[in-house]
Amino acid sequence: MADFKIIIGNKNYSSWSFRAWLALKATGAEFEEEVIPLDEKGTRDAILRHSPSGRVPALEHGERTVWDSLAICEYLAELFPEAGLWPAERGARAMARAVSAEMHSGFATLRTAMPFNIRASLPGKGKGDGVQGEINRIAAIWRSCREAHGGEGPYLFGNFTAADAMYAPIAARFATYKVDLDEASAAYCAAIAAHPAYGEWLSEARNEPWIIPREEI
């Protein structure tokens, strides 16, 4: 029996679940997962059996429960330092935490206008006031991370880190809505899409039976 169990929402719609799941996959640890379909009559009660916030994701490790994607990333980084979920160099690590926190707390306009729908293709949809400004900021974050610390690999800090787990759902959104990007940002999105864990999540999202109408533009 695996030491870890992660409670997640629908893989097609739950971007926050995707973040924590990617971080857990990056550790190489064995884990069980439980998908709780979102936006159904019993959803909240089912989640509350695992997460005191009533939201997914939640990570169960023995008798301990950690909820919230970024907290799960931090917890896993402590347990599995060899996984490199945060960069080893202090300056890079500080930057990775800062951009991850900015993702965690920001970009609400973009996330509302462009709901996470990884199996869909919705070119040109999701435009609205303030969206392009947030796209520009995200692209600037990606360029600055790559320019400062991305020399050893294709991700924000070279190797795959928690920062990439935090931004992978944005890369997926940009693919869904066919967002025009600069060359460096497009290359980063391609690297995320080529990650094996991304492909696994996408494949399983495509096979899910659930549809949430309000998330379908």
N, C-alpha and C. Protein backbone atom coordinates (compact mmCIF):
# COMPACT_ATOMS: atom_id res chain seq x y z
N MET A 1 0.84 -1.20 0.00
CA MET A 1 0.00 0.00 0.00
C MET A 1 0.87 1.25 0.00
N ALA A 2 0.54 2.21 -0.84
CA ALA A 2 1.32 3.44 -0.94
C ALA A 2 1.19 4.28 0.32
N ASP A 3 2.27 5.00 0.64
CA ASP A 3 2.25 5.88 1.82
C ASP A 3 1.42 7.13 1.58
N PHE A 4 1.23 7.49 0.32
CA PHE A 4 0.56 8.75 -0.02
C PHE A 4 -0.74 8.48 -0.76
N LYS A 5 -1.70 9.36 -0.50
CA LYS A 5 -2.94 9.37 -1.27
C LYS A 5 -3.27 10.81 -1.57
N ILE A 6 -3.53 11.10 -2.84
CA ILE A 6 -3.89 12.46 -3.22
C ILE A 6 -5.34 12.49 -3.67
N ILE A 7 -6.06 13.44 -3.14
CA ILE A 7 -7.47 13.63 -3.45
C ILE A 7 -7.56 14.78 -4.45
N ILE A 8 -8.13 14.51 -5.60
CA ILE A 8 -8.16 15.51 -6.67
C ILE A 8 -9.55 15.62 -7.26
N GLY A 9 -9.77 16.70 -8.02
CA GLY A 9 -10.99 16.86 -8.79
C GLY A 9 -10.81 16.31 -10.19
N ASN A 10 -11.83 16.49 -11.00
CA ASN A 10 -11.78 16.05 -12.40
C ASN A 10 -10.48 16.52 -13.06
N LYS A 11 -9.82 15.62 -13.76
CA LYS A 11 -8.55 15.99 -14.39
C LYS A 11 -8.74 16.99 -15.52
N ASN A 12 -9.92 16.99 -16.11
CA ASN A 12 -10.15 17.96 -17.18
C ASN A 12 -10.34 19.38 -16.66
N TYR A 13 -10.80 19.54 -15.45
CA TYR A 13 -11.19 20.86 -14.97
C TYR A 13 -10.40 21.38 -13.76
N SER A 14 -9.75 20.52 -13.01
CA SER A 14 -9.17 20.96 -11.74
C SER A 14 -7.69 21.31 -11.89
N SER A 15 -7.42 22.56 -12.17
CA SER A 15 -6.05 23.00 -12.37
C SER A 15 -5.23 22.93 -11.09
N TRP A 16 -5.86 23.22 -9.94
CA TRP A 16 -5.13 23.17 -8.68
C TRP A 16 -4.75 21.74 -8.34
N SER A 17 -5.62 20.80 -8.65
CA SER A 17 -5.27 19.39 -8.46
C SER A 17 -4.07 19.01 -9.34
N PHE A 18 -4.08 19.51 -10.56
CA PHE A 18 -2.99 19.22 -11.51
C PHE A 18 -1.64 19.65 -10.94
N ARG A 19 -1.61 20.82 -10.31
CA ARG A 19 -0.36 21.33 -9.76
C ARG A 19 0.22 20.37 -8.71
N ALA A 20 -0.61 20.02 -7.74
CA ALA A 20 -0.13 19.15 -6.66
C ALA A 20 0.22 17.76 -7.18
N TRP A 21 -0.57 17.25 -8.10
CA TRP A 21 -0.32 15.93 -8.69
C TRP A 21 1.01 15.91 -9.42
N LEU A 22 1.32 16.96 -10.18
CA LEU A 22 2.60 17.03 -10.88
C LEU A 22 3.77 17.03 -9.90
N ALA A 23 3.63 17.77 -8.82
CA ALA A 23 4.70 17.81 -7.82
C ALA A 23 4.90 16.43 -7.19
N LEU A 24 3.80 15.75 -6.90
CA LEU A 24 3.89 14.41 -6.32
C LEU A 24 4.53 13.44 -7.31
N LYS A 25 4.16 13.52 -8.58
CA LYS A 25 4.77 12.66 -9.59
C LYS A 25 6.28 12.91 -9.68
N ALA A 26 6.68 14.17 -9.51
CA ALA A 26 8.09 14.52 -9.64
C ALA A 26 8.94 13.90 -8.54
N THR A 27 8.34 13.54 -7.42
CA THR A 27 9.10 12.91 -6.33
C THR A 27 9.45 11.46 -6.64
N GLY A 28 8.70 10.83 -7.52
CA GLY A 28 8.90 9.41 -7.80
C GLY A 28 8.26 8.49 -6.78
N ALA A 29 7.58 9.04 -5.78
CA ALA A 29 6.95 8.22 -4.74
C ALA A 29 5.72 7.52 -5.29
N GLU A 30 5.46 6.34 -4.78
CA GLU A 30 4.22 5.67 -5.12
C GLU A 30 3.06 6.33 -4.38
N PHE A 31 1.91 6.41 -5.04
CA PHE A 31 0.76 7.03 -4.38
C PHE A 31 -0.53 6.50 -4.97
N GLU A 32 -1.57 6.60 -4.17
CA GLU A 32 -2.92 6.34 -4.64
C GLU A 32 -3.58 7.68 -4.95
N GLU A 33 -4.57 7.66 -5.80
CA GLU A 33 -5.32 8.88 -6.05
C GLU A 33 -6.81 8.59 -6.03
N GLU A 34 -7.55 9.58 -5.59
CA GLU A 34 -9.00 9.50 -5.59
C GLU A 34 -9.54 10.74 -6.29
N VAL A 35 -10.29 10.52 -7.35
CA VAL A 35 -10.90 11.62 -8.09
C VAL A 35 -12.32 11.83 -7.57
N ILE A 36 -12.60 13.04 -7.12
CA ILE A 36 -13.95 13.40 -6.69
C ILE A 36 -14.54 14.32 -7.76
N PRO A 37 -15.56 13.88 -8.49
CA PRO A 37 -16.14 14.73 -9.53
C PRO A 37 -16.66 16.04 -8.94
N LEU A 38 -16.32 17.13 -9.58
CA LEU A 38 -16.68 18.45 -9.09
C LEU A 38 -18.07 18.85 -9.55
N ASP A 39 -18.65 19.79 -8.81
CA ASP A 39 -19.91 20.42 -9.21
C ASP A 39 -21.07 19.43 -9.28
N GLU A 40 -21.04 18.43 -8.39
CA GLU A 40 -22.15 17.50 -8.29
C GLU A 40 -22.77 17.61 -6.89
N LYS A 41 -23.92 16.98 -6.71
CA LYS A 41 -24.67 17.15 -5.47
C LYS A 41 -23.87 16.77 -4.23
N GLY A 42 -23.12 15.70 -4.29
CA GLY A 42 -22.39 15.24 -3.11
C GLY A 42 -20.94 15.64 -3.08
N THR A 43 -20.53 16.55 -3.99
CA THR A 43 -19.10 16.88 -4.10
C THR A 43 -18.52 17.44 -2.81
N ARG A 44 -19.17 18.45 -2.25
CA ARG A 44 -18.59 19.11 -1.08
C ARG A 44 -18.46 18.15 0.11
N ASP A 45 -19.48 17.36 0.34
CA ASP A 45 -19.41 16.42 1.46
C ASP A 45 -18.30 15.40 1.25
N ALA A 46 -18.14 14.96 0.00
CA ALA A 46 -17.08 14.00 -0.30
C ALA A 46 -15.70 14.59 -0.07
N ILE A 47 -15.52 15.86 -0.47
CA ILE A 47 -14.22 16.51 -0.27
C ILE A 47 -13.97 16.75 1.21
N LEU A 48 -14.99 17.16 1.94
CA LEU A 48 -14.82 17.44 3.37
C LEU A 48 -14.40 16.21 4.17
N ARG A 49 -14.61 15.05 3.65
CA ARG A 49 -14.13 13.84 4.32
C ARG A 49 -12.61 13.75 4.28
N HIS A 50 -12.00 14.55 3.41
CA HIS A 50 -10.54 14.53 3.26
C HIS A 50 -9.88 15.87 3.55
N SER A 51 -10.56 16.95 3.21
CA SER A 51 -9.94 18.29 3.25
C SER A 51 -10.79 19.24 4.09
N PRO A 52 -10.23 19.82 5.15
CA PRO A 52 -11.02 20.72 5.99
C PRO A 52 -11.44 22.00 5.29
N SER A 53 -10.76 22.34 4.19
CA SER A 53 -11.13 23.55 3.44
C SER A 53 -12.33 23.31 2.52
N GLY A 54 -12.67 22.03 2.30
CA GLY A 54 -13.73 21.71 1.36
C GLY A 54 -13.30 21.86 -0.09
N ARG A 55 -12.00 21.91 -0.31
CA ARG A 55 -11.48 22.07 -1.66
C ARG A 55 -10.42 21.02 -1.94
N VAL A 56 -10.22 20.73 -3.20
CA VAL A 56 -9.13 19.86 -3.63
C VAL A 56 -8.02 20.74 -4.22
N PRO A 57 -6.79 20.22 -4.17
CA PRO A 57 -6.36 18.89 -3.76
C PRO A 57 -6.11 18.79 -2.26
N ALA A 58 -5.98 17.55 -1.81
CA ALA A 58 -5.52 17.26 -0.46
C ALA A 58 -4.58 16.07 -0.55
N LEU A 59 -3.52 16.11 0.20
CA LEU A 59 -2.54 15.02 0.24
C LEU A 59 -2.61 14.36 1.60
N GLU A 60 -2.85 13.06 1.61
CA GLU A 60 -2.86 12.29 2.85
C GLU A 60 -1.57 11.49 2.94
N HIS A 61 -0.88 11.64 4.06
CA HIS A 61 0.38 10.94 4.30
C HIS A 61 0.29 10.36 5.71
N GLY A 62 -0.05 9.09 5.79
CA GLY A 62 -0.33 8.50 7.09
C GLY A 62 -1.54 9.18 7.71
N GLU A 63 -1.38 9.66 8.92
CA GLU A 63 -2.47 10.36 9.60
C GLU A 63 -2.47 11.85 9.34
N ARG A 64 -1.52 12.32 8.54
CA ARG A 64 -1.39 13.75 8.27
C ARG A 64 -2.07 14.09 6.95
N THR A 65 -2.76 15.23 6.93
CA THR A 65 -3.36 15.74 5.70
C THR A 65 -2.81 17.13 5.42
N VAL A 66 -2.40 17.34 4.20
CA VAL A 66 -1.94 18.66 3.74
C VAL A 66 -2.85 19.08 2.60
N TRP A 67 -3.44 20.24 2.70
CA TRP A 67 -4.31 20.74 1.65
C TRP A 67 -3.73 22.03 1.10
N ASP A 68 -4.15 22.40 -0.07
CA ASP A 68 -3.66 23.55 -0.83
C ASP A 68 -2.43 23.14 -1.65
N SER A 69 -2.46 23.47 -2.92
CA SER A 69 -1.42 23.02 -3.86
C SER A 69 -0.02 23.46 -3.46
N LEU A 70 0.13 24.73 -3.11
CA LEU A 70 1.46 25.22 -2.80
C LEU A 70 1.98 24.62 -1.50
N ALA A 71 1.11 24.43 -0.52
CA ALA A 71 1.52 23.78 0.72
C ALA A 71 1.95 22.34 0.46
N ILE A 72 1.26 21.66 -0.44
CA ILE A 72 1.65 20.30 -0.80
C ILE A 72 3.03 20.29 -1.45
N CYS A 73 3.28 21.25 -2.34
CA CYS A 73 4.60 21.35 -2.95
C CYS A 73 5.68 21.53 -1.90
N GLU A 74 5.45 22.41 -0.94
CA GLU A 74 6.43 22.66 0.11
C GLU A 74 6.66 21.40 0.95
N TYR A 75 5.58 20.72 1.29
CA TYR A 75 5.68 19.51 2.11
C TYR A 75 6.49 18.44 1.38
N LEU A 76 6.20 18.25 0.11
CA LEU A 76 6.93 17.25 -0.67
C LEU A 76 8.40 17.63 -0.86
N ALA A 77 8.66 18.92 -1.01
CA ALA A 77 10.05 19.37 -1.15
C ALA A 77 10.86 19.04 0.10
N GLU A 78 10.23 19.13 1.27
CA GLU A 78 10.92 18.79 2.51
C GLU A 78 11.16 17.28 2.61
N LEU A 79 10.17 16.50 2.20
CA LEU A 79 10.29 15.05 2.32
C LEU A 79 11.24 14.46 1.28
N PHE A 80 11.30 15.06 0.11
CA PHE A 80 12.08 14.52 -1.00
C PHE A 80 13.04 15.58 -1.55
N PRO A 81 14.05 15.97 -0.77
CA PRO A 81 14.97 17.01 -1.27
C PRO A 81 15.68 16.60 -2.55
N GLU A 82 15.87 15.30 -2.73
CA GLU A 82 16.57 14.82 -3.93
C GLU A 82 15.76 15.05 -5.20
N ALA A 83 14.45 15.30 -5.06
CA ALA A 83 13.60 15.54 -6.23
C ALA A 83 13.82 16.93 -6.83
N GLY A 84 14.43 17.83 -6.06
CA GLY A 84 14.72 19.17 -6.58
C GLY A 84 13.50 20.00 -6.86
N LEU A 85 12.47 19.87 -6.03
CA LEU A 85 11.26 20.66 -6.27
C LEU A 85 11.51 22.16 -6.10
N TRP A 86 12.52 22.52 -5.35
CA TRP A 86 13.00 23.90 -5.34
C TRP A 86 14.45 23.89 -5.79
N PRO A 87 14.89 24.90 -6.53
CA PRO A 87 16.28 24.94 -6.98
C PRO A 87 17.25 24.95 -5.81
N ALA A 88 18.43 24.39 -6.03
CA ALA A 88 19.42 24.29 -4.96
C ALA A 88 20.05 25.65 -4.63
N GLU A 89 20.22 26.48 -5.63
CA GLU A 89 20.89 27.78 -5.41
C GLU A 89 19.91 28.76 -4.76
N ARG A 90 20.37 29.50 -3.78
CA ARG A 90 19.47 30.32 -2.96
C ARG A 90 18.74 31.37 -3.77
N GLY A 91 19.41 32.07 -4.65
CA GLY A 91 18.76 33.11 -5.44
C GLY A 91 17.69 32.53 -6.35
N ALA A 92 18.02 31.41 -7.00
CA ALA A 92 17.05 30.76 -7.87
C ALA A 92 15.87 30.24 -7.06
N ARG A 93 16.17 29.71 -5.86
CA ARG A 93 15.10 29.18 -5.01
C ARG A 93 14.16 30.29 -4.57
N ALA A 94 14.72 31.44 -4.22
CA ALA A 94 13.88 32.58 -3.83
C ALA A 94 13.00 33.03 -4.98
N MET A 95 13.57 33.07 -6.17
CA MET A 95 12.79 33.49 -7.33
C MET A 95 11.70 32.46 -7.64
N ALA A 96 12.03 31.18 -7.53
CA ALA A 96 11.03 30.14 -7.80
C ALA A 96 9.88 30.23 -6.82
N ARG A 97 10.18 30.48 -5.56
CA ARG A 97 9.10 30.62 -4.57
C ARG A 97 8.27 31.87 -4.85
N ALA A 98 8.93 32.95 -5.24
CA ALA A 98 8.20 34.20 -5.50
C ALA A 98 7.25 34.06 -6.67
N VAL A 99 7.72 33.47 -7.78
CA VAL A 99 6.84 33.35 -8.94
C VAL A 99 5.74 32.32 -8.68
N SER A 100 6.03 31.31 -7.86
CA SER A 100 4.99 30.34 -7.50
C SER A 100 3.92 30.98 -6.65
N ALA A 101 4.34 31.81 -5.71
CA ALA A 101 3.37 32.51 -4.87
C ALA A 101 2.54 33.50 -5.68
N GLU A 102 3.17 34.14 -6.67
CA GLU A 102 2.42 35.06 -7.53
C GLU A 102 1.36 34.31 -8.33
N MET A 103 1.70 33.12 -8.80
CA MET A 103 0.71 32.30 -9.50
C MET A 103 -0.41 31.89 -8.54
N HIS A 104 -0.04 31.53 -7.34
CA HIS A 104 -1.00 31.04 -6.35
C HIS A 104 -2.04 32.10 -6.02
N SER A 105 -1.61 33.34 -5.94
CA SER A 105 -2.50 34.41 -5.47
C SER A 105 -3.05 35.30 -6.58
N GLY A 106 -2.53 35.14 -7.79
CA GLY A 106 -2.86 36.10 -8.84
C GLY A 106 -3.50 35.51 -10.07
N PHE A 107 -3.61 36.37 -11.09
CA PHE A 107 -4.11 36.00 -12.42
C PHE A 107 -5.55 35.51 -12.40
N ALA A 108 -6.34 36.08 -11.51
CA ALA A 108 -7.74 35.66 -11.39
C ALA A 108 -8.54 36.00 -12.64
N THR A 109 -8.21 37.13 -13.28
CA THR A 109 -8.95 37.52 -14.48
C THR A 109 -8.77 36.49 -15.58
N LEU A 110 -7.53 36.08 -15.81
CA LEU A 110 -7.25 35.09 -16.84
C LEU A 110 -7.90 33.76 -16.49
N ARG A 111 -7.78 33.34 -15.23
CA ARG A 111 -8.32 32.03 -14.84
C ARG A 111 -9.84 31.99 -14.96
N THR A 112 -10.49 33.15 -14.74
CA THR A 112 -11.94 33.21 -14.89
C THR A 112 -12.34 33.22 -16.36
N ALA A 113 -11.63 34.00 -17.16
CA ALA A 113 -11.98 34.13 -18.57
C ALA A 113 -11.64 32.89 -19.38
N MET A 114 -10.61 32.18 -18.93
CA MET A 114 -10.14 30.98 -19.63
C MET A 114 -10.17 29.80 -18.68
N PRO A 115 -11.34 29.23 -18.41
CA PRO A 115 -11.42 28.09 -17.49
C PRO A 115 -10.53 26.94 -17.93
N PHE A 116 -9.94 26.27 -16.97
CA PHE A 116 -9.09 25.12 -17.26
C PHE A 116 -9.92 24.02 -17.88
N ASN A 117 -9.57 23.64 -19.10
CA ASN A 117 -10.31 22.62 -19.85
C ASN A 117 -9.28 21.98 -20.78
N ILE A 118 -8.51 21.06 -20.24
CA ILE A 118 -7.29 20.62 -20.91
C ILE A 118 -7.56 19.81 -22.17
N ARG A 119 -8.74 19.18 -22.27
CA ARG A 119 -9.02 18.37 -23.45
C ARG A 119 -9.69 19.15 -24.57
N ALA A 120 -10.03 20.40 -24.32
CA ALA A 120 -10.75 21.20 -25.30
C ALA A 120 -9.81 21.96 -26.23
N SER A 121 -10.37 22.43 -27.34
CA SER A 121 -9.68 23.35 -28.24
C SER A 121 -10.62 24.51 -28.50
N LEU A 122 -10.26 25.68 -27.98
CA LEU A 122 -11.15 26.84 -28.03
C LEU A 122 -10.39 28.07 -28.52
N PRO A 123 -9.85 28.02 -29.72
CA PRO A 123 -9.04 29.14 -30.22
C PRO A 123 -9.82 30.44 -30.26
N GLY A 124 -9.20 31.48 -29.74
CA GLY A 124 -9.80 32.80 -29.77
C GLY A 124 -10.79 33.08 -28.66
N LYS A 125 -11.17 32.07 -27.89
CA LYS A 125 -12.11 32.28 -26.79
C LYS A 125 -11.36 32.82 -25.56
N GLY A 126 -12.14 33.30 -24.61
CA GLY A 126 -11.56 33.70 -23.33
C GLY A 126 -10.95 35.09 -23.30
N LYS A 127 -11.20 35.88 -24.30
CA LYS A 127 -10.65 37.24 -24.30
C LYS A 127 -11.55 38.15 -23.49
N GLY A 128 -10.97 39.16 -22.89
CA GLY A 128 -11.74 40.10 -22.10
C GLY A 128 -10.82 41.13 -21.47
N ASP A 129 -11.41 42.09 -20.79
CA ASP A 129 -10.64 43.15 -20.17
C ASP A 129 -9.65 42.57 -19.16
N GLY A 130 -8.41 42.96 -19.30
CA GLY A 130 -7.38 42.57 -18.34
C GLY A 130 -6.70 41.25 -18.63
N VAL A 131 -7.25 40.45 -19.54
CA VAL A 131 -6.67 39.13 -19.79
C VAL A 131 -5.30 39.25 -20.45
N GLN A 132 -5.19 40.09 -21.47
CA GLN A 132 -3.91 40.20 -22.17
C GLN A 132 -2.82 40.72 -21.25
N GLY A 133 -3.15 41.61 -20.36
CA GLY A 133 -2.16 42.10 -19.41
C GLY A 133 -1.61 41.00 -18.53
N GLU A 134 -2.48 40.08 -18.11
CA GLU A 134 -2.02 38.97 -17.29
C GLU A 134 -1.22 37.96 -18.12
N ILE A 135 -1.61 37.76 -19.37
CA ILE A 135 -0.81 36.92 -20.26
C ILE A 135 0.59 37.50 -20.40
N ASN A 136 0.66 38.82 -20.59
CA ASN A 136 1.96 39.47 -20.76
C ASN A 136 2.82 39.30 -19.51
N ARG A 137 2.20 39.41 -18.34
CA ARG A 137 2.96 39.26 -17.10
C ARG A 137 3.49 37.84 -16.95
N ILE A 138 2.66 36.86 -17.26
CA ILE A 138 3.11 35.47 -17.16
C ILE A 138 4.27 35.22 -18.13
N ALA A 139 4.15 35.70 -19.35
CA ALA A 139 5.23 35.53 -20.32
C ALA A 139 6.51 36.20 -19.83
N ALA A 140 6.37 37.35 -19.19
CA ALA A 140 7.55 38.04 -18.65
C ALA A 140 8.19 37.23 -17.53
N ILE A 141 7.37 36.61 -16.68
CA ILE A 141 7.90 35.74 -15.62
C ILE A 141 8.68 34.59 -16.24
N TRP A 142 8.08 33.95 -17.21
CA TRP A 142 8.75 32.81 -17.84
C TRP A 142 10.07 33.22 -18.47
N ARG A 143 10.09 34.35 -19.17
CA ARG A 143 11.34 34.79 -19.81
C ARG A 143 12.41 35.11 -18.77
N SER A 144 12.02 35.79 -17.70
CA SER A 144 13.01 36.19 -16.71
C SER A 144 13.58 34.97 -15.99
N CYS A 145 12.75 33.99 -15.69
CA CYS A 145 13.24 32.76 -15.04
C CYS A 145 14.18 32.00 -15.96
N ARG A 146 13.77 31.86 -17.21
CA ARG A 146 14.59 31.12 -18.17
C ARG A 146 15.92 31.83 -18.41
N GLU A 147 15.87 33.15 -18.53
CA GLU A 147 17.10 33.90 -18.80
C GLU A 147 18.06 33.84 -17.62
N ALA A 148 17.53 33.89 -16.41
CA ALA A 148 18.38 33.93 -15.22
C ALA A 148 18.85 32.55 -14.78
N HIS A 149 17.99 31.53 -14.93
CA HIS A 149 18.29 30.25 -14.28
C HIS A 149 17.96 29.02 -15.12
N GLY A 150 17.60 29.19 -16.38
CA GLY A 150 17.12 28.06 -17.16
C GLY A 150 18.15 27.37 -18.02
N GLY A 151 19.43 27.64 -17.77
CA GLY A 151 20.47 27.15 -18.68
C GLY A 151 20.62 25.65 -18.75
N GLU A 152 20.25 24.90 -17.71
CA GLU A 152 20.53 23.47 -17.66
C GLU A 152 19.40 22.60 -18.22
N GLY A 153 18.32 23.18 -18.63
CA GLY A 153 17.21 22.38 -19.13
C GLY A 153 16.12 23.25 -19.69
N PRO A 154 14.99 22.67 -20.10
CA PRO A 154 13.96 23.43 -20.80
C PRO A 154 12.93 24.10 -19.90
N TYR A 155 13.05 23.92 -18.57
CA TYR A 155 12.02 24.42 -17.67
C TYR A 155 12.43 25.76 -17.07
N LEU A 156 11.60 26.32 -16.22
CA LEU A 156 11.85 27.67 -15.72
C LEU A 156 13.19 27.81 -15.03
N PHE A 157 13.58 26.78 -14.29
CA PHE A 157 14.86 26.80 -13.58
C PHE A 157 15.75 25.66 -14.03
N GLY A 158 15.66 25.32 -15.30
CA GLY A 158 16.45 24.25 -15.87
C GLY A 158 15.73 22.92 -15.72
N ASN A 159 15.90 22.30 -14.56
CA ASN A 159 15.18 21.07 -14.25
C ASN A 159 13.76 21.38 -13.79
N PHE A 160 12.89 20.37 -13.86
CA PHE A 160 11.50 20.55 -13.46
C PHE A 160 11.42 20.81 -11.95
N THR A 161 10.69 21.87 -11.57
CA THR A 161 10.55 22.24 -10.17
C THR A 161 9.08 22.50 -9.84
N ALA A 162 8.84 22.83 -8.58
CA ALA A 162 7.49 23.20 -8.15
C ALA A 162 6.96 24.39 -8.93
N ALA A 163 7.85 25.29 -9.34
CA ALA A 163 7.41 26.44 -10.13
C ALA A 163 6.78 25.98 -11.45
N ASP A 164 7.36 24.96 -12.05
CA ASP A 164 6.77 24.43 -13.29
C ASP A 164 5.44 23.76 -13.01
N ALA A 165 5.33 23.07 -11.87
CA ALA A 165 4.04 22.48 -11.49
C ALA A 165 2.99 23.56 -11.33
N MET A 166 3.38 24.70 -10.78
CA MET A 166 2.44 25.80 -10.57
C MET A 166 2.00 26.43 -11.89
N TYR A 167 2.89 26.49 -12.87
CA TYR A 167 2.56 27.17 -14.13
C TYR A 167 2.10 26.22 -15.24
N ALA A 168 2.21 24.92 -15.03
CA ALA A 168 1.79 23.97 -16.07
C ALA A 168 0.33 24.15 -16.48
N PRO A 169 -0.60 24.38 -15.54
CA PRO A 169 -1.99 24.60 -15.97
C PRO A 169 -2.18 25.85 -16.82
N ILE A 170 -1.31 26.84 -16.64
CA ILE A 170 -1.38 28.03 -17.49
C ILE A 170 -0.90 27.67 -18.90
N ALA A 171 0.17 26.89 -18.99
CA ALA A 171 0.63 26.44 -20.31
C ALA A 171 -0.48 25.64 -20.99
N ALA A 172 -1.20 24.83 -20.22
CA ALA A 172 -2.32 24.07 -20.78
C ALA A 172 -3.43 24.99 -21.25
N ARG A 173 -3.73 26.01 -20.48
CA ARG A 173 -4.73 26.99 -20.90
C ARG A 173 -4.32 27.66 -22.21
N PHE A 174 -3.07 28.04 -22.31
CA PHE A 174 -2.61 28.70 -23.53
C PHE A 174 -2.75 27.77 -24.74
N ALA A 175 -2.58 26.46 -24.52
CA ALA A 175 -2.79 25.49 -25.61
C ALA A 175 -4.28 25.38 -25.95
N THR A 176 -5.12 25.33 -24.94
CA THR A 176 -6.57 25.21 -25.16
C THR A 176 -7.10 26.39 -25.96
N TYR A 177 -6.68 27.60 -25.57
CA TYR A 177 -7.24 28.81 -26.17
C TYR A 177 -6.36 29.37 -27.30
N LYS A 178 -5.28 28.64 -27.63
CA LYS A 178 -4.39 29.00 -28.75
C LYS A 178 -3.90 30.45 -28.61
N VAL A 179 -3.34 30.74 -27.45
CA VAL A 179 -2.85 32.09 -27.15
C VAL A 179 -1.55 32.35 -27.92
N ASP A 180 -1.46 33.50 -28.55
CA ASP A 180 -0.23 33.90 -29.24
C ASP A 180 0.83 34.25 -28.21
N LEU A 181 2.02 33.66 -28.37
CA LEU A 181 3.10 33.86 -27.42
C LEU A 181 4.40 34.18 -28.14
N ASP A 182 5.31 34.82 -27.42
CA ASP A 182 6.64 35.03 -27.96
C ASP A 182 7.37 33.70 -28.07
N GLU A 183 8.47 33.68 -28.77
CA GLU A 183 9.18 32.43 -29.07
C GLU A 183 9.62 31.70 -27.81
N ALA A 184 10.16 32.41 -26.84
CA ALA A 184 10.65 31.77 -25.62
C ALA A 184 9.50 31.16 -24.82
N SER A 185 8.38 31.87 -24.73
CA SER A 185 7.23 31.36 -23.98
C SER A 185 6.61 30.17 -24.69
N ALA A 186 6.55 30.22 -26.01
CA ALA A 186 6.01 29.09 -26.77
C ALA A 186 6.89 27.86 -26.59
N ALA A 187 8.21 28.06 -26.54
CA ALA A 187 9.13 26.94 -26.34
C ALA A 187 8.94 26.34 -24.95
N TYR A 188 8.70 27.20 -23.96
CA TYR A 188 8.46 26.68 -22.61
C TYR A 188 7.17 25.88 -22.57
N CYS A 189 6.12 26.37 -23.18
CA CYS A 189 4.86 25.62 -23.23
C CYS A 189 5.04 24.27 -23.91
N ALA A 190 5.85 24.23 -24.95
CA ALA A 190 6.11 22.97 -25.64
C ALA A 190 6.84 22.00 -24.74
N ALA A 191 7.77 22.51 -23.93
CA ALA A 191 8.50 21.65 -23.00
C ALA A 191 7.57 21.08 -21.94
N ILE A 192 6.65 21.90 -21.43
CA ILE A 192 5.68 21.41 -20.45
C ILE A 192 4.78 20.35 -21.08
N ALA A 193 4.31 20.59 -22.29
CA ALA A 193 3.42 19.65 -22.96
C ALA A 193 4.11 18.32 -23.25
N ALA A 194 5.43 18.35 -23.39
CA ALA A 194 6.19 17.14 -23.67
C ALA A 194 6.55 16.35 -22.42
N HIS A 195 6.30 16.92 -21.25
CA HIS A 195 6.62 16.22 -20.00
C HIS A 195 5.74 14.97 -19.90
N PRO A 196 6.32 13.82 -19.57
CA PRO A 196 5.51 12.58 -19.53
C PRO A 196 4.32 12.66 -18.59
N ALA A 197 4.47 13.33 -17.44
CA ALA A 197 3.35 13.41 -16.49
C ALA A 197 2.21 14.25 -17.06
N TYR A 198 2.55 15.29 -17.81
CA TYR A 198 1.52 16.09 -18.48
C TYR A 198 0.73 15.21 -19.44
N GLY A 199 1.43 14.41 -20.22
CA GLY A 199 0.76 13.54 -21.17
C GLY A 199 -0.14 12.52 -20.48
N GLU A 200 0.31 12.01 -19.35
CA GLU A 200 -0.51 11.05 -18.60
C GLU A 200 -1.79 11.70 -18.10
N TRP A 201 -1.67 12.89 -17.53
CA TRP A 201 -2.84 13.61 -17.03
C TRP A 201 -3.82 13.91 -18.17
N LEU A 202 -3.29 14.40 -19.29
CA LEU A 202 -4.13 14.75 -20.44
C LEU A 202 -4.87 13.54 -20.96
N SER A 203 -4.18 12.42 -21.08
CA SER A 203 -4.81 11.20 -21.57
C SER A 203 -5.98 10.78 -20.68
N GLU A 204 -5.78 10.86 -19.37
CA GLU A 204 -6.83 10.47 -18.45
C GLU A 204 -7.97 11.49 -18.44
N ALA A 205 -7.64 12.77 -18.63
CA ALA A 205 -8.69 13.80 -18.71
C ALA A 205 -9.58 13.56 -19.92
N ARG A 206 -9.00 13.14 -21.02
CA ARG A 206 -9.78 12.91 -22.24
C ARG A 206 -10.75 11.74 -22.07
N ASN A 207 -10.43 10.84 -21.17
CA ASN A 207 -11.27 9.66 -20.97
C ASN A 207 -12.30 9.83 -19.85
N GLU A 208 -12.32 10.98 -19.20
CA GLU A 208 -13.30 11.19 -18.14
C GLU A 208 -14.70 11.37 -18.71
N PRO A 209 -15.71 10.86 -18.01
CA PRO A 209 -17.08 10.97 -18.52
C PRO A 209 -17.78 12.27 -18.13
N TRP A 210 -17.22 13.00 -17.16
CA TRP A 210 -17.94 14.13 -16.59
C TRP A 210 -17.81 15.39 -17.45
N ILE A 211 -18.88 16.16 -17.48
CA ILE A 211 -18.88 17.46 -18.14
C ILE A 211 -19.48 18.48 -17.18
N ILE A 212 -18.79 19.59 -17.01
CA ILE A 212 -19.29 20.68 -16.18
C ILE A 212 -19.67 21.82 -17.14
N PRO A 213 -20.95 22.02 -17.40
CA PRO A 213 -21.35 22.98 -18.43
C PRO A 213 -20.79 24.38 -18.23
N ARG A 214 -20.72 24.85 -16.98
CA ARG A 214 -20.26 26.23 -16.76
C ARG A 214 -18.76 26.40 -17.05
N GLU A 215 -18.03 25.30 -17.17
CA GLU A 215 -16.62 25.37 -17.50
C GLU A 215 -16.38 25.21 -19.00
N GLU A 216 -17.45 25.02 -19.74
CA GLU A 216 -17.35 24.85 -21.18
C GLU A 216 -17.77 26.13 -21.87
N ILE A 217 -16.81 26.87 -22.41
CA ILE A 217 -17.15 28.13 -23.08
C ILE A 217 -17.81 27.83 -24.42
